[in-house]
Amino acid sequence: AVFTVAAVGYAFYLSFHQWNILEPAKPFVGLDNYQRLVQDDRFGGSIVNTLVYTAASVPATMALGLLIAL
């Protein structure tokens, strides 16, 4: 649990910074990343794709697991 909380906390911290793997400086940008995310046209599509994938893969995986168990 400690490693999960630390990873989620660090990801939340990084979401408020402009992060580049090649540059050591990570300037604080506040909510600008979230504002750009909401305005991005691809964001809505990615949410829909995630929901469709989840709605298809979870029942299929459960059914397959049940068939194997039987």
PDB file of N, CA and C in Angstrom:
ATOM      1  N   ALA A   1       0.824  -1.195   0.000  1.00  0.00           N
ATOM      2  CA  ALA A   1       0.000   0.000   0.000  1.00  0.00           C
ATOM      3  C   ALA A   1       0.870   1.262   0.000  1.00  0.00           C
ATOM      4  N   VAL A   2       1.988   1.201   0.688  1.00  0.00           N
ATOM      5  CA  VAL A   2       2.866   2.374   0.764  1.00  0.00           C
ATOM      6  C   VAL A   2       3.406   2.716  -0.621  1.00  0.00           C
ATOM      7  N   PHE A   3       3.810   1.713  -1.370  1.00  0.00           N
ATOM      8  CA  PHE A   3       4.359   1.964  -2.703  1.00  0.00           C
ATOM      9  C   PHE A   3       3.285   2.492  -3.654  1.00  0.00           C
ATOM     10  N   THR A   4       2.081   2.010  -3.516  1.00  0.00           N
ATOM     11  CA  THR A   4       0.981   2.495  -4.359  1.00  0.00           C
ATOM     12  C   THR A   4       0.651   3.938  -4.035  1.00  0.00           C
ATOM     13  N   VAL A   5       0.540   4.258  -2.773  1.00  0.00           N
ATOM     14  CA  VAL A   5       0.222   5.630  -2.356  1.00  0.00           C
ATOM     15  C   VAL A   5       1.343   6.581  -2.778  1.00  0.00           C
ATOM     16  N   ALA A   6       2.580   6.161  -2.637  1.00  0.00           N
ATOM     17  CA  ALA A   6       3.707   7.011  -3.036  1.00  0.00           C
ATOM     18  C   ALA A   6       3.696   7.249  -4.545  1.00  0.00           C
ATOM     19  N   ALA A   7       3.413   6.219  -5.327  1.00  0.00           N
ATOM     20  CA  ALA A   7       3.388   6.372  -6.786  1.00  0.00           C
ATOM     21  C   ALA A   7       2.241   7.277  -7.226  1.00  0.00           C
ATOM     22  N   VAL A   8       1.070   7.101  -6.644  1.00  0.00           N
ATOM     23  CA  VAL A   8      -0.072   7.943  -6.999  1.00  0.00           C
ATOM     24  C   VAL A   8       0.184   9.385  -6.557  1.00  0.00           C
ATOM     25  N   GLY A   9       0.760   9.560  -5.391  1.00  0.00           N
ATOM     26  CA  GLY A   9       1.083  10.901  -4.907  1.00  0.00           C
ATOM     27  C   GLY A   9       2.090  11.606  -5.803  1.00  0.00           C
ATOM     28  N   TYR A  10       3.108  10.881  -6.254  1.00  0.00           N
ATOM     29  CA  TYR A  10       4.107  11.482  -7.139  1.00  0.00           C
ATOM     30  C   TYR A  10       3.508  11.806  -8.501  1.00  0.00           C
ATOM     31  N   ALA A  11       2.634  10.946  -9.008  1.00  0.00           N
ATOM     32  CA  ALA A  11       1.958  11.225 -10.281  1.00  0.00           C
ATOM     33  C   ALA A  11       1.079  12.472 -10.151  1.00  0.00           C
ATOM     34  N   PHE A  12       0.404  12.618  -9.023  1.00  0.00           N
ATOM     35  CA  PHE A  12      -0.409  13.806  -8.779  1.00  0.00           C
ATOM     36  C   PHE A  12       0.474  15.053  -8.708  1.00  0.00           C
ATOM     37  N   TYR A  13       1.611  14.944  -8.059  1.00  0.00           N
ATOM     38  CA  TYR A  13       2.580  16.043  -7.991  1.00  0.00           C
ATOM     39  C   TYR A  13       3.051  16.434  -9.384  1.00  0.00           C
ATOM     40  N   LEU A  14       3.402  15.448 -10.205  1.00  0.00           N
ATOM     41  CA  LEU A  14       3.890  15.726 -11.553  1.00  0.00           C
ATOM     42  C   LEU A  14       2.819  16.318 -12.451  1.00  0.00           C
ATOM     43  N   SER A  15       1.553  16.057 -12.169  1.00  0.00           N
ATOM     44  CA  SER A  15       0.487  16.581 -13.008  1.00  0.00           C
ATOM     45  C   SER A  15       0.380  18.106 -12.926  1.00  0.00           C
ATOM     46  N   PHE A  16       0.971  18.695 -11.913  1.00  0.00           N
ATOM     47  CA  PHE A  16       0.967  20.156 -11.770  1.00  0.00           C
ATOM     48  C   PHE A  16       2.257  20.797 -12.270  1.00  0.00           C
ATOM     49  N   HIS A  17       3.104  20.010 -12.921  1.00  0.00           N
ATOM     50  CA  HIS A  17       4.378  20.501 -13.425  1.00  0.00           C
ATOM     51  C   HIS A  17       4.518  20.171 -14.905  1.00  0.00           C
ATOM     52  N   GLN A  18       5.322  20.975 -15.597  1.00  0.00           N
ATOM     53  CA  GLN A  18       5.657  20.675 -16.983  1.00  0.00           C
ATOM     54  C   GLN A  18       6.841  19.722 -16.932  1.00  0.00           C
ATOM     55  N   TRP A  19       6.594  18.480 -17.298  1.00  0.00           N
ATOM     56  CA  TRP A  19       7.591  17.436 -17.115  1.00  0.00           C
ATOM     57  C   TRP A  19       8.137  16.987 -18.452  1.00  0.00           C
ATOM     58  N   ASN A  20       9.457  16.960 -18.539  1.00  0.00           N
ATOM     59  CA  ASN A  20      10.136  16.478 -19.733  1.00  0.00           C
ATOM     60  C   ASN A  20      11.253  15.557 -19.272  1.00  0.00           C
ATOM     61  N   ILE A  21      11.314  14.358 -19.851  1.00  0.00           N
ATOM     62  CA  ILE A  21      12.287  13.368 -19.407  1.00  0.00           C
ATOM     63  C   ILE A  21      13.725  13.798 -19.688  1.00  0.00           C
ATOM     64  N   LEU A  22      13.926  14.666 -20.678  1.00  0.00           N
ATOM     65  CA  LEU A  22      15.277  15.081 -21.037  1.00  0.00           C
ATOM     66  C   LEU A  22      15.781  16.281 -20.247  1.00  0.00           C
ATOM     67  N   GLU A  23      14.880  16.998 -19.588  1.00  0.00           N
ATOM     68  CA  GLU A  23      15.285  18.194 -18.843  1.00  0.00           C
ATOM     69  C   GLU A  23      15.075  17.974 -17.352  1.00  0.00           C
ATOM     70  N   PRO A  24      16.055  18.326 -16.535  1.00  0.00           N
ATOM     71  CA  PRO A  24      15.907  18.119 -15.092  1.00  0.00           C
ATOM     72  C   PRO A  24      14.925  19.085 -14.434  1.00  0.00           C
ATOM     73  N   ALA A  25      14.733  20.256 -15.026  1.00  0.00           N
ATOM     74  CA  ALA A  25      13.823  21.239 -14.430  1.00  0.00           C
ATOM     75  C   ALA A  25      12.379  20.851 -14.725  1.00  0.00           C
ATOM     76  N   LYS A  26      11.558  20.955 -13.695  1.00  0.00           N
ATOM     77  CA  LYS A  26      10.132  20.660 -13.828  1.00  0.00           C
ATOM     78  C   LYS A  26       9.346  21.864 -13.298  1.00  0.00           C
ATOM     79  N   PRO A  27       9.170  22.903 -14.140  1.00  0.00           N
ATOM     80  CA  PRO A  27       8.508  24.119 -13.651  1.00  0.00           C
ATOM     81  C   PRO A  27       7.038  23.877 -13.318  1.00  0.00           C
ATOM     82  N   PHE A  28       6.585  24.542 -12.272  1.00  0.00           N
ATOM     83  CA  PHE A  28       5.193  24.452 -11.825  1.00  0.00           C
ATOM     84  C   PHE A  28       4.295  25.193 -12.813  1.00  0.00           C
ATOM     85  N   VAL A  29       3.246  24.530 -13.292  1.00  0.00           N
ATOM     86  CA  VAL A  29       2.310  25.157 -14.227  1.00  0.00           C
ATOM     87  C   VAL A  29       0.885  25.188 -13.671  1.00  0.00           C
ATOM     88  N   GLY A  30       0.674  24.670 -12.480  1.00  0.00           N
ATOM     89  CA  GLY A  30      -0.646  24.709 -11.861  1.00  0.00           C
ATOM     90  C   GLY A  30      -1.657  23.840 -12.598  1.00  0.00           C
ATOM     91  N   LEU A  31      -2.821  24.386 -12.841  1.00  0.00           N
ATOM     92  CA  LEU A  31      -3.904  23.644 -13.478  1.00  0.00           C
ATOM     93  C   LEU A  31      -3.867  23.710 -15.003  1.00  0.00           C
ATOM     94  N   ASP A  32      -2.805  24.254 -15.564  1.00  0.00           N
ATOM     95  CA  ASP A  32      -2.706  24.404 -17.017  1.00  0.00           C
ATOM     96  C   ASP A  32      -2.769  23.052 -17.732  1.00  0.00           C
ATOM     97  N   ASN A  33      -2.143  22.030 -17.161  1.00  0.00           N
ATOM     98  CA  ASN A  33      -2.190  20.703 -17.788  1.00  0.00           C
ATOM     99  C   ASN A  33      -3.620  20.180 -17.851  1.00  0.00           C
ATOM    100  N   TYR A  34      -4.380  20.388 -16.790  1.00  0.00           N
ATOM    101  CA  TYR A  34      -5.770  19.920 -16.773  1.00  0.00           C
ATOM    102  C   TYR A  34      -6.637  20.734 -17.730  1.00  0.00           C
ATOM    103  N   GLN A  35      -6.373  22.017 -17.830  1.00  0.00           N
ATOM    104  CA  GLN A  35      -7.124  22.864 -18.759  1.00  0.00           C
ATOM    105  C   GLN A  35      -6.867  22.415 -20.196  1.00  0.00           C
ATOM    106  N   ARG A  36      -5.628  22.123 -20.532  1.00  0.00           N
ATOM    107  CA  ARG A  36      -5.310  21.633 -21.879  1.00  0.00           C
ATOM    108  C   ARG A  36      -5.939  20.267 -22.129  1.00  0.00           C
ATOM    109  N   LEU A  37      -6.011  19.434 -21.102  1.00  0.00           N
ATOM    110  CA  LEU A  37      -6.612  18.113 -21.233  1.00  0.00           C
ATOM    111  C   LEU A  37      -8.088  18.214 -21.581  1.00  0.00           C
ATOM    112  N   VAL A  38      -8.809  19.077 -20.899  1.00  0.00           N
ATOM    113  CA  VAL A  38     -10.248  19.238 -21.140  1.00  0.00           C
ATOM    114  C   VAL A  38     -10.504  19.806 -22.531  1.00  0.00           C
ATOM    115  N   GLN A  39      -9.615  20.650 -23.019  1.00  0.00           N
ATOM    116  CA  GLN A  39      -9.799  21.272 -24.330  1.00  0.00           C
ATOM    117  C   GLN A  39      -9.335  20.378 -25.480  1.00  0.00           C
ATOM    118  N   ASP A  40      -8.657  19.289 -25.194  1.00  0.00           N
ATOM    119  CA  ASP A  40      -8.138  18.406 -26.240  1.00  0.00           C
ATOM    120  C   ASP A  40      -9.272  17.582 -26.844  1.00  0.00           C
ATOM    121  N   ASP A  41      -9.339  17.551 -28.171  1.00  0.00           N
ATOM    122  CA  ASP A  41     -10.396  16.813 -28.865  1.00  0.00           C
ATOM    123  C   ASP A  41     -10.253  15.303 -28.678  1.00  0.00           C
ATOM    124  N   ARG A  42      -9.060  14.818 -28.526  1.00  0.00           N
ATOM    125  CA  ARG A  42      -8.835  13.377 -28.404  1.00  0.00           C
ATOM    126  C   ARG A  42      -9.184  12.837 -27.026  1.00  0.00           C
ATOM    127  N   PHE A  43      -9.308  13.704 -26.029  1.00  0.00           N
ATOM    128  CA  PHE A  43      -9.570  13.247 -24.665  1.00  0.00           C
ATOM    129  C   PHE A  43     -10.926  12.551 -24.555  1.00  0.00           C
ATOM    130  N   GLY A  44     -11.955  13.130 -25.150  1.00  0.00           N
ATOM    131  CA  GLY A  44     -13.287  12.515 -25.111  1.00  0.00           C
ATOM    132  C   GLY A  44     -13.293  11.158 -25.788  1.00  0.00           C
ATOM    133  N   GLY A  45     -12.600  11.067 -26.908  1.00  0.00           N
ATOM    134  CA  GLY A  45     -12.511   9.791 -27.613  1.00  0.00           C
ATOM    135  C   GLY A  45     -11.785   8.736 -26.803  1.00  0.00           C
ATOM    136  N   SER A  46     -10.755   9.149 -26.082  1.00  0.00           N
ATOM    137  CA  SER A  46     -10.015   8.179 -25.277  1.00  0.00           C
ATOM    138  C   SER A  46     -10.860   7.675 -24.111  1.00  0.00           C
ATOM    139  N   ILE A  47     -11.704   8.531 -23.556  1.00  0.00           N
ATOM    140  CA  ILE A  47     -12.611   8.097 -22.482  1.00  0.00           C
ATOM    141  C   ILE A  47     -13.606   7.080 -23.030  1.00  0.00           C
ATOM    142  N   VAL A  48     -14.176   7.368 -24.202  1.00  0.00           N
ATOM    143  CA  VAL A  48     -15.135   6.438 -24.820  1.00  0.00           C
ATOM    144  C   VAL A  48     -14.454   5.114 -25.135  1.00  0.00           C
ATOM    145  N   ASN A  49     -13.258   5.141 -25.703  1.00  0.00           N
ATOM    146  CA  ASN A  49     -12.531   3.910 -26.011  1.00  0.00           C
ATOM    147  C   ASN A  49     -12.248   3.100 -24.751  1.00  0.00           C
ATOM    148  N   THR A  50     -11.887   3.757 -23.676  1.00  0.00           N
ATOM    149  CA  THR A  50     -11.620   3.063 -22.414  1.00  0.00           C
ATOM    150  C   THR A  50     -12.875   2.393 -21.884  1.00  0.00           C
ATOM    151  N   LEU A  51     -14.002   3.102 -21.931  1.00  0.00           N
ATOM    152  CA  LEU A  51     -15.257   2.520 -21.445  1.00  0.00           C
ATOM    153  C   LEU A  51     -15.696   1.334 -22.299  1.00  0.00           C
ATOM    154  N   VAL A  52     -15.561   1.447 -23.612  1.00  0.00           N
ATOM    155  CA  VAL A  52     -15.932   0.337 -24.498  1.00  0.00           C
ATOM    156  C   VAL A  52     -15.032  -0.867 -24.253  1.00  0.00           C
ATOM    157  N   TYR A  53     -13.740  -0.638 -24.152  1.00  0.00           N
ATOM    158  CA  TYR A  53     -12.804  -1.736 -23.903  1.00  0.00           C
ATOM    159  C   TYR A  53     -13.115  -2.420 -22.576  1.00  0.00           C
ATOM    160  N   THR A  54     -13.377  -1.632 -21.542  1.00  0.00           N
ATOM    161  CA  THR A  54     -13.688  -2.197 -20.233  1.00  0.00           C
ATOM    162  C   THR A  54     -14.991  -2.982 -20.267  1.00  0.00           C
ATOM    163  N   ALA A  55     -16.000  -2.409 -20.928  1.00  0.00           N
ATOM    164  CA  ALA A  55     -17.299  -3.084 -20.998  1.00  0.00           C
ATOM    165  C   ALA A  55     -17.213  -4.390 -21.779  1.00  0.00           C
ATOM    166  N   ALA A  56     -16.276  -4.520 -22.688  1.00  0.00           N
ATOM    167  CA  ALA A  56     -16.137  -5.746 -23.468  1.00  0.00           C
ATOM    168  C   ALA A  56     -15.181  -6.737 -22.801  1.00  0.00           C
ATOM    169  N   SER A  57     -14.074  -6.256 -22.256  1.00  0.00           N
ATOM    170  CA  SER A  57     -13.051  -7.172 -21.754  1.00  0.00           C
ATOM    171  C   SER A  57     -13.385  -7.762 -20.390  1.00  0.00           C
ATOM    172  N   VAL A  58     -14.015  -7.007 -19.522  1.00  0.00           N
ATOM    173  CA  VAL A  58     -14.311  -7.535 -18.182  1.00  0.00           C
ATOM    174  C   VAL A  58     -15.303  -8.695 -18.251  1.00  0.00           C
ATOM    175  N   PRO A  59     -16.456  -8.552 -18.904  1.00  0.00           N
ATOM    176  CA  PRO A  59     -17.354  -9.712 -18.984  1.00  0.00           C
ATOM    177  C   PRO A  59     -16.743 -10.895 -19.741  1.00  0.00           C
ATOM    178  N   ALA A  60     -15.995 -10.628 -20.808  1.00  0.00           N
ATOM    179  CA  ALA A  60     -15.370 -11.713 -21.562  1.00  0.00           C
ATOM    180  C   ALA A  60     -14.357 -12.458 -20.708  1.00  0.00           C
ATOM    181  N   THR A  61     -13.557 -11.735 -19.936  1.00  0.00           N
ATOM    182  CA  THR A  61     -12.569 -12.364 -19.069  1.00  0.00           C
ATOM    183  C   THR A  61     -13.251 -13.176 -17.970  1.00  0.00           C
ATOM    184  N   MET A  62     -14.315 -12.632 -17.408  1.00  0.00           N
ATOM    185  CA  MET A  62     -15.039 -13.365 -16.365  1.00  0.00           C
ATOM    186  C   MET A  62     -15.680 -14.629 -16.934  1.00  0.00           C
ATOM    187  N   ALA A  63     -16.263 -14.544 -18.116  1.00  0.00           N
ATOM    188  CA  ALA A  63     -16.894 -15.717 -18.738  1.00  0.00           C
ATOM    189  C   ALA A  63     -15.841 -16.779 -19.061  1.00  0.00           C
ATOM    190  N   LEU A  64     -14.710 -16.361 -19.602  1.00  0.00           N
ATOM    191  CA  LEU A  64     -13.647 -17.301 -19.919  1.00  0.00           C
ATOM    192  C   LEU A  64     -13.125 -17.970 -18.648  1.00  0.00           C
ATOM    193  N   GLY A  65     -12.934 -17.197 -17.608  1.00  0.00           N
ATOM    194  CA  GLY A  65     -12.470 -17.769 -16.336  1.00  0.00           C
ATOM    195  C   GLY A  65     -13.480 -18.761 -15.772  1.00  0.00           C
ATOM    196  N   LEU A  66     -14.775 -18.448 -15.887  1.00  0.00           N
ATOM    197  CA  LEU A  66     -15.812 -19.360 -15.412  1.00  0.00           C
ATOM    198  C   LEU A  66     -15.818 -20.653 -16.230  1.00  0.00           C
ATOM    199  N   LEU A  67     -15.666 -20.525 -17.544  1.00  0.00           N
ATOM    200  CA  LEU A  67     -15.633 -21.723 -18.395  1.00  0.00           C
ATOM    201  C   LEU A  67     -14.430 -22.605 -18.070  1.00  0.00           C
ATOM    202  N   ILE A  68     -13.297 -21.991 -17.828  1.00  0.00           N
ATOM    203  CA  ILE A  68     -12.097 -22.765 -17.473  1.00  0.00           C
ATOM    204  C   ILE A  68     -12.276 -23.450 -16.121  1.00  0.00           C
ATOM    205  N   ALA A  69     -12.912 -22.740 -15.192  1.00  0.00           N
ATOM    206  CA  ALA A  69     -13.128 -23.310 -13.851  1.00  0.00           C
ATOM    207  C   ALA A  69     -14.107 -24.480 -13.898  1.00  0.00           C
ATOM    208  N   LEU A  70     -15.060 -24.417 -14.794  1.00  0.00           N
ATOM    209  CA  LEU A  70     -16.030 -25.510 -14.886  1.00  0.00           C
ATOM    210  C   LEU A  70     -15.412 -26.700 -15.588  1.00  0.00           C
TER     211      LEU A  70
END
